[in-house]
């Protein structure tokens, strides 16, 4: 294998690593930004045939 070919592989590996690092930083930033208070709407039936009745909070 020639020295030129080895340099290309090493440079490409560094580029892939840099892109992966930037992608990881973006994912961590976006997940921290979306960690806000959320509200969920939960609907249920309190009159089951084979279970005790549920209490409303």
C-alpha atoms as a PDB file:
ATOM      1  CA  UNK A   1       0.000   0.000   0.000  1.00  0.00           C
ATOM      2  CA  UNK A   2       1.408   3.397  -0.904  1.00  0.00           C
ATOM      3  CA  UNK A   3       1.845   6.237   1.538  1.00  0.00           C
ATOM      4  CA  UNK A   4      -0.609   8.393  -0.431  1.00  0.00           C
ATOM      5  CA  UNK A   5      -3.373   5.803  -0.085  1.00  0.00           C
ATOM      6  CA  UNK A   6      -2.758   5.535   3.653  1.00  0.00           C
ATOM      7  CA  UNK A   7      -3.046   9.311   4.060  1.00  0.00           C
ATOM      8  CA  UNK A   8      -6.386   9.300   2.262  1.00  0.00           C
ATOM      9  CA  UNK A   9      -7.778   6.596   4.533  1.00  0.00           C
ATOM     10  CA  UNK A  10      -6.534   8.373   7.653  1.00  0.00           C
ATOM     11  CA  UNK A  11      -7.954  11.713   6.498  1.00  0.00           C
ATOM     12  CA  UNK A  12     -11.298  10.157   5.627  1.00  0.00           C
ATOM     13  CA  UNK A  13     -11.494   8.486   9.038  1.00  0.00           C
ATOM     14  CA  UNK A  14     -10.870  11.827  10.734  1.00  0.00           C
ATOM     15  CA  UNK A  15     -13.588  13.431   8.641  1.00  0.00           C
ATOM     16  CA  UNK A  16     -16.082  10.709   9.547  1.00  0.00           C
ATOM     17  CA  UNK A  17     -15.177  11.107  13.220  1.00  0.00           C
ATOM     18  CA  UNK A  18     -15.635  14.881  13.038  1.00  0.00           C
ATOM     19  CA  UNK A  19     -19.036  14.505  11.367  1.00  0.00           C
ATOM     20  CA  UNK A  20     -20.096  11.979  14.025  1.00  0.00           C
ATOM     21  CA  UNK A  21     -18.973  14.357  16.783  1.00  0.00           C
ATOM     22  CA  UNK A  22     -20.947  17.258  15.285  1.00  0.00           C
ATOM     23  CA  UNK A  23     -24.029  15.038  14.889  1.00  0.00           C
ATOM     24  CA  UNK A  24     -23.750  13.924  18.520  1.00  0.00           C
ATOM     25  CA  UNK A  25     -23.440  17.534  19.697  1.00  0.00           C
ATOM     26  CA  UNK A  26     -26.529  18.508  17.691  1.00  0.00           C
ATOM     27  CA  UNK A  27     -28.554  15.606  19.076  1.00  0.00           C
ATOM     28  CA  UNK A  28     -27.614  16.464  22.656  1.00  0.00           C
ATOM     29  CA  UNK A  29     -28.447  20.133  22.109  1.00  0.00           C
ATOM     30  CA  UNK A  30     -31.814  19.369  20.528  1.00  0.00           C
ATOM     31  CA  UNK A  31     -32.800  16.898  23.244  1.00  0.00           C
ATOM     32  CA  UNK A  32     -31.941  19.433  25.962  1.00  0.00           C
ATOM     33  CA  UNK A  33     -33.955  22.115  24.168  1.00  0.00           C
ATOM     34  CA  UNK A  34     -37.015  19.884  23.919  1.00  0.00           C
ATOM     35  CA  UNK A  35     -36.960  19.020  27.647  1.00  0.00           C
ATOM     36  CA  UNK A  36     -39.799  21.346  28.509  1.00  0.00           C
ATOM     37  CA  UNK A  37     -42.938  20.837  30.545  1.00  0.00           C
ATOM     38  CA  UNK A  38     -45.489  18.737  28.713  1.00  0.00           C
ATOM     39  CA  UNK A  39     -49.116  17.920  29.357  1.00  0.00           C
ATOM     40  CA  UNK A  40     -50.783  14.602  28.553  1.00  0.00           C
ATOM     41  CA  UNK A  41     -54.481  13.980  28.044  1.00  0.00           C
ATOM     42  CA  UNK A  42     -55.408  10.562  29.429  1.00  0.00           C
ATOM     43  CA  UNK A  43     -58.883   9.178  28.801  1.00  0.00           C
ATOM     44  CA  UNK A  44     -60.150   6.078  30.532  1.00  0.00           C
ATOM     45  CA  UNK A  45     -63.210   4.091  31.497  1.00  0.00           C
ATOM     46  CA  UNK A  46     -63.945   3.874  35.231  1.00  0.00           C
ATOM     47  CA  UNK A  47     -66.647   1.194  34.931  1.00  0.00           C
ATOM     48  CA  UNK A  48     -64.961  -2.104  34.064  1.00  0.00           C
ATOM     49  CA  UNK A  49     -66.880  -5.388  34.158  1.00  0.00           C
ATOM     50  CA  UNK A  50     -64.206  -7.511  35.878  1.00  0.00           C
ATOM     51  CA  UNK A  51     -62.207  -4.928  37.863  1.00  0.00           C
ATOM     52  CA  UNK A  52     -62.978  -2.670  40.806  1.00  0.00           C
ATOM     53  CA  UNK A  53     -64.117   0.871  40.088  1.00  0.00           C
ATOM     54  CA  UNK A  54     -61.406   3.482  39.633  1.00  0.00           C
ATOM     55  CA  UNK A  55     -61.345   6.585  41.803  1.00  0.00           C
ATOM     56  CA  UNK A  56     -61.109   9.977  40.178  1.00  0.00           C
ATOM     57  CA  UNK A  57     -58.203  12.046  41.491  1.00  0.00           C
END
